[in-house]
Amino acid sequence: MSNEEFEKYKDSLAVILFEKPKGSMEQAAVYQLEIDKQNYNFNRAEIESEALKSINKMDIIQFYADQISQFGPKRHKLAVHIKSSLKITNENNQFSQSDNSLGANNSTIIMDITDFKKKHRLYSLPIPFIPVGYKTFF
């Protein structure tokens, strides 16, 4: 890809980032997402577009080599296998609960995704953009 083509892709992404919400429901959804994630970064589009301006083609190539390439020094791999908890019990294709046994010995069944994420250092919650203290009213 040429540098000119890369710049065109960056410009088109910036246009998408700066696109204003089409209605109050879309704007509310943007705010609600920030509140749900406890980030409180309500001008994320502007910040991301400024960061986008500083990225060049070599940054993307280096990121790929480090993080995505099979031999990248910072590459991590996560494999997710989803197994149904239902099984067919008779010729009429009726289903019943299975025993949830896994084929591999080192597999883990994740029952609570939030709890699972909290236990891993790569999935910690980001620091809120706006510091918000939790107050007790009692």
C-alpha atoms as a PDB file:
ATOM      1  CA  MET A   1       0.000   0.000   0.000  1.00  0.00           C
ATOM      2  CA  SER A   2       1.386   3.395  -0.916  1.00  0.00           C
ATOM      3  CA  ASN A   3       1.673   6.268   1.554  1.00  0.00           C
ATOM      4  CA  GLU A   4      -1.006   8.185  -0.344  1.00  0.00           C
ATOM      5  CA  GLU A   5      -3.427   5.280  -0.078  1.00  0.00           C
ATOM      6  CA  PHE A   6      -2.660   4.945   3.649  1.00  0.00           C
ATOM      7  CA  GLU A   7      -3.400   8.645   4.159  1.00  0.00           C
ATOM      8  CA  LYS A   8      -6.725   8.230   2.334  1.00  0.00           C
ATOM      9  CA  TYR A   9      -7.656   5.410   4.729  1.00  0.00           C
ATOM     10  CA  LYS A  10      -6.706   7.594   7.697  1.00  0.00           C
ATOM     11  CA  ASP A  11      -8.800  10.468   6.362  1.00  0.00           C
ATOM     12  CA  SER A  12     -11.842   8.246   5.833  1.00  0.00           C
ATOM     13  CA  LEU A  13     -11.510   6.887   9.377  1.00  0.00           C
ATOM     14  CA  ALA A  14     -11.288  10.442  10.727  1.00  0.00           C
ATOM     15  CA  VAL A  15     -14.520  11.298   8.905  1.00  0.00           C
ATOM     16  CA  ILE A  16     -16.222   8.335  10.582  1.00  0.00           C
ATOM     17  CA  LEU A  17     -14.891   9.392  14.002  1.00  0.00           C
ATOM     18  CA  PHE A  18     -16.128  12.972  13.557  1.00  0.00           C
ATOM     19  CA  GLU A  19     -19.557  11.916  12.309  1.00  0.00           C
ATOM     20  CA  LYS A  20     -22.133  13.434  14.628  1.00  0.00           C
ATOM     21  CA  PRO A  21     -24.835  11.193  16.087  1.00  0.00           C
ATOM     22  CA  LYS A  22     -27.961  11.269  13.941  1.00  0.00           C
ATOM     23  CA  GLY A  23     -30.318  11.689  16.864  1.00  0.00           C
ATOM     24  CA  SER A  24     -30.650  11.992  20.583  1.00  0.00           C
ATOM     25  CA  MET A  25     -30.876   8.210  20.991  1.00  0.00           C
ATOM     26  CA  GLU A  26     -27.497   7.701  19.295  1.00  0.00           C
ATOM     27  CA  GLN A  27     -25.933  10.443  21.421  1.00  0.00           C
ATOM     28  CA  ALA A  28     -27.433   8.918  24.565  1.00  0.00           C
ATOM     29  CA  ALA A  29     -26.025   5.519  23.565  1.00  0.00           C
ATOM     30  CA  VAL A  30     -22.531   7.041  23.256  1.00  0.00           C
ATOM     31  CA  TYR A  31     -22.809   8.585  26.714  1.00  0.00           C
ATOM     32  CA  GLN A  32     -24.317   5.435  28.201  1.00  0.00           C
ATOM     33  CA  LEU A  33     -21.436   3.320  26.874  1.00  0.00           C
ATOM     34  CA  GLU A  34     -18.904   5.613  28.549  1.00  0.00           C
ATOM     35  CA  ILE A  35     -20.838   5.484  31.809  1.00  0.00           C
ATOM     36  CA  ASP A  36     -21.245   1.692  31.680  1.00  0.00           C
ATOM     37  CA  LYS A  37     -17.520   1.203  31.104  1.00  0.00           C
ATOM     38  CA  GLN A  38     -16.799   3.761  33.856  1.00  0.00           C
ATOM     39  CA  ASN A  39     -14.414   5.654  31.547  1.00  0.00           C
ATOM     40  CA  TYR A  40     -16.329   8.963  31.417  1.00  0.00           C
ATOM     41  CA  ASN A  41     -14.416  10.054  28.302  1.00  0.00           C
ATOM     42  CA  PHE A  42     -17.255  11.931  26.621  1.00  0.00           C
ATOM     43  CA  ASN A  43     -15.063  13.464  23.914  1.00  0.00           C
ATOM     44  CA  ARG A  44     -13.448  10.188  22.869  1.00  0.00           C
ATOM     45  CA  ALA A  45     -13.951  10.831  19.135  1.00  0.00           C
ATOM     46  CA  GLU A  46     -11.900  14.033  19.238  1.00  0.00           C
ATOM     47  CA  ILE A  47      -9.098  12.414  21.239  1.00  0.00           C
ATOM     48  CA  GLU A  48      -8.988   9.367  18.977  1.00  0.00           C
ATOM     49  CA  SER A  49      -8.944  11.496  15.830  1.00  0.00           C
ATOM     50  CA  GLU A  50      -6.003  13.523  17.216  1.00  0.00           C
ATOM     51  CA  ALA A  51      -4.159  10.281  17.956  1.00  0.00           C
ATOM     52  CA  LEU A  52      -5.003   9.064  14.452  1.00  0.00           C
ATOM     53  CA  LYS A  53      -3.287  12.104  12.956  1.00  0.00           C
ATOM     54  CA  SER A  54       0.010  11.130  14.617  1.00  0.00           C
ATOM     55  CA  ILE A  55       0.015   7.536  13.288  1.00  0.00           C
ATOM     56  CA  ASN A  56       2.018   6.780  10.177  1.00  0.00           C
ATOM     57  CA  LYS A  57       2.382   3.715   8.006  1.00  0.00           C
ATOM     58  CA  MET A  58       5.563   2.537   9.761  1.00  0.00           C
ATOM     59  CA  ASP A  59       3.737   2.606  13.130  1.00  0.00           C
ATOM     60  CA  ILE A  60       1.156   0.165  11.768  1.00  0.00           C
ATOM     61  CA  ILE A  61       3.818  -2.090  10.288  1.00  0.00           C
ATOM     62  CA  GLN A  62       5.746  -2.100  13.580  1.00  0.00           C
ATOM     63  CA  PHE A  63       2.562  -2.822  15.559  1.00  0.00           C
ATOM     64  CA  TYR A  64       1.828  -5.774  13.285  1.00  0.00           C
ATOM     65  CA  ALA A  65       5.367  -7.110  13.625  1.00  0.00           C
ATOM     66  CA  ASP A  66       5.301  -6.829  17.437  1.00  0.00           C
ATOM     67  CA  GLN A  67       1.720  -7.736  18.363  1.00  0.00           C
ATOM     68  CA  ILE A  68       0.130  -9.782  15.559  1.00  0.00           C
ATOM     69  CA  SER A  69       2.856 -11.557  13.603  1.00  0.00           C
ATOM     70  CA  GLN A  70       3.393 -15.208  14.506  1.00  0.00           C
ATOM     71  CA  PHE A  71       6.937 -14.415  15.669  1.00  0.00           C
ATOM     72  CA  GLY A  72       6.127 -11.080  17.317  1.00  0.00           C
ATOM     73  CA  PRO A  73       7.791 -10.606  20.716  1.00  0.00           C
ATOM     74  CA  LYS A  74       4.603  -9.231  22.347  1.00  0.00           C
ATOM     75  CA  ARG A  75       2.122 -11.612  20.735  1.00  0.00           C
ATOM     76  CA  HIS A  76      -0.402 -13.409  22.945  1.00  0.00           C
ATOM     77  CA  LYS A  77      -2.853 -16.040  21.882  1.00  0.00           C
ATOM     78  CA  LEU A  78      -6.283 -16.870  23.240  1.00  0.00           C
ATOM     79  CA  ALA A  79      -8.330 -19.757  21.909  1.00  0.00           C
ATOM     80  CA  VAL A  80     -12.047 -19.900  22.655  1.00  0.00           C
ATOM     81  CA  HIS A  81     -13.963 -23.125  22.148  1.00  0.00           C
ATOM     82  CA  ILE A  82     -17.715 -23.028  22.622  1.00  0.00           C
ATOM     83  CA  LYS A  83     -19.415 -26.315  23.394  1.00  0.00           C
ATOM     84  CA  SER A  84     -23.169 -26.632  23.598  1.00  0.00           C
ATOM     85  CA  SER A  85     -24.630 -27.707  26.904  1.00  0.00           C
ATOM     86  CA  LEU A  86     -27.409 -29.530  25.041  1.00  0.00           C
ATOM     87  CA  LYS A  87     -27.312 -32.943  23.403  1.00  0.00           C
ATOM     88  CA  ILE A  88     -29.762 -34.907  21.265  1.00  0.00           C
ATOM     89  CA  THR A  89     -31.285 -37.691  23.361  1.00  0.00           C
ATOM     90  CA  ASN A  90     -33.380 -39.608  20.834  1.00  0.00           C
ATOM     91  CA  GLU A  91     -34.261 -39.967  17.182  1.00  0.00           C
ATOM     92  CA  ASN A  92     -36.918 -37.203  17.438  1.00  0.00           C
ATOM     93  CA  ASN A  93     -34.137 -34.629  17.897  1.00  0.00           C
ATOM     94  CA  GLN A  94     -35.205 -33.730  21.424  1.00  0.00           C
ATOM     95  CA  PHE A  95     -32.566 -31.984  23.503  1.00  0.00           C
ATOM     96  CA  SER A  96     -31.444 -32.402  27.093  1.00  0.00           C
ATOM     97  CA  GLN A  97     -28.653 -30.922  29.226  1.00  0.00           C
ATOM     98  CA  SER A  98     -25.234 -32.490  28.705  1.00  0.00           C
ATOM     99  CA  ASP A  99     -22.565 -33.020  31.345  1.00  0.00           C
ATOM    100  CA  ASN A 100     -20.462 -29.963  30.321  1.00  0.00           C
ATOM    101  CA  SER A 101     -17.312 -32.072  30.176  1.00  0.00           C
ATOM    102  CA  LEU A 102     -14.456 -30.648  28.143  1.00  0.00           C
ATOM    103  CA  GLY A 103     -12.130 -32.581  25.895  1.00  0.00           C
ATOM    104  CA  ALA A 104      -8.865 -30.949  26.938  1.00  0.00           C
ATOM    105  CA  ASN A 105      -7.431 -31.359  30.430  1.00  0.00           C
ATOM    106  CA  ASN A 106      -6.240 -27.761  30.774  1.00  0.00           C
ATOM    107  CA  SER A 107      -9.529 -26.144  29.714  1.00  0.00           C
ATOM    108  CA  THR A 108     -11.528 -23.805  31.918  1.00  0.00           C
ATOM    109  CA  ILE A 109     -15.273 -23.308  31.905  1.00  0.00           C
ATOM    110  CA  ILE A 110     -16.029 -19.602  32.295  1.00  0.00           C
ATOM    111  CA  MET A 111     -19.304 -19.089  34.096  1.00  0.00           C
ATOM    112  CA  ASP A 112     -18.907 -15.371  34.933  1.00  0.00           C
ATOM    113  CA  ILE A 113     -17.061 -13.393  32.241  1.00  0.00           C
ATOM    114  CA  THR A 114     -16.640 -10.279  34.399  1.00  0.00           C
ATOM    115  CA  ASP A 115     -15.074 -12.270  37.227  1.00  0.00           C
ATOM    116  CA  PHE A 116     -12.817 -14.038  34.720  1.00  0.00           C
ATOM    117  CA  LYS A 117     -11.613 -10.715  33.293  1.00  0.00           C
ATOM    118  CA  LYS A 118     -10.920  -9.271  36.740  1.00  0.00           C
ATOM    119  CA  LYS A 119      -8.497 -12.106  37.472  1.00  0.00           C
ATOM    120  CA  HIS A 120      -6.268 -11.391  34.460  1.00  0.00           C
ATOM    121  CA  ARG A 121      -3.844  -8.496  34.260  1.00  0.00           C
ATOM    122  CA  LEU A 122      -4.414  -7.914  30.540  1.00  0.00           C
ATOM    123  CA  TYR A 123      -8.117  -7.263  31.051  1.00  0.00           C
ATOM    124  CA  SER A 124      -8.148  -4.780  33.902  1.00  0.00           C
ATOM    125  CA  LEU A 125     -10.496  -1.839  33.774  1.00  0.00           C
ATOM    126  CA  PRO A 126      -8.915   1.313  32.373  1.00  0.00           C
ATOM    127  CA  ILE A 127      -8.446   4.313  34.596  1.00  0.00           C
ATOM    128  CA  PRO A 128     -11.455   6.650  34.171  1.00  0.00           C
ATOM    129  CA  PHE A 129     -10.787   9.648  31.953  1.00  0.00           C
ATOM    130  CA  ILE A 130     -12.584  11.878  34.464  1.00  0.00           C
ATOM    131  CA  PRO A 131     -11.756  10.963  38.071  1.00  0.00           C
ATOM    132  CA  VAL A 132     -15.009  10.126  39.796  1.00  0.00           C
ATOM    133  CA  GLY A 133     -15.050   9.307  43.477  1.00  0.00           C
ATOM    134  CA  TYR A 134     -17.654   7.055  44.944  1.00  0.00           C
ATOM    135  CA  LYS A 135     -19.481   8.777  47.789  1.00  0.00           C
ATOM    136  CA  THR A 136     -21.501   7.177  50.500  1.00  0.00           C
ATOM    137  CA  PHE A 137     -24.659   9.024  51.451  1.00  0.00           C
ATOM    138  CA  PHE A 138     -25.291   7.144  54.700  1.00  0.00           C
END
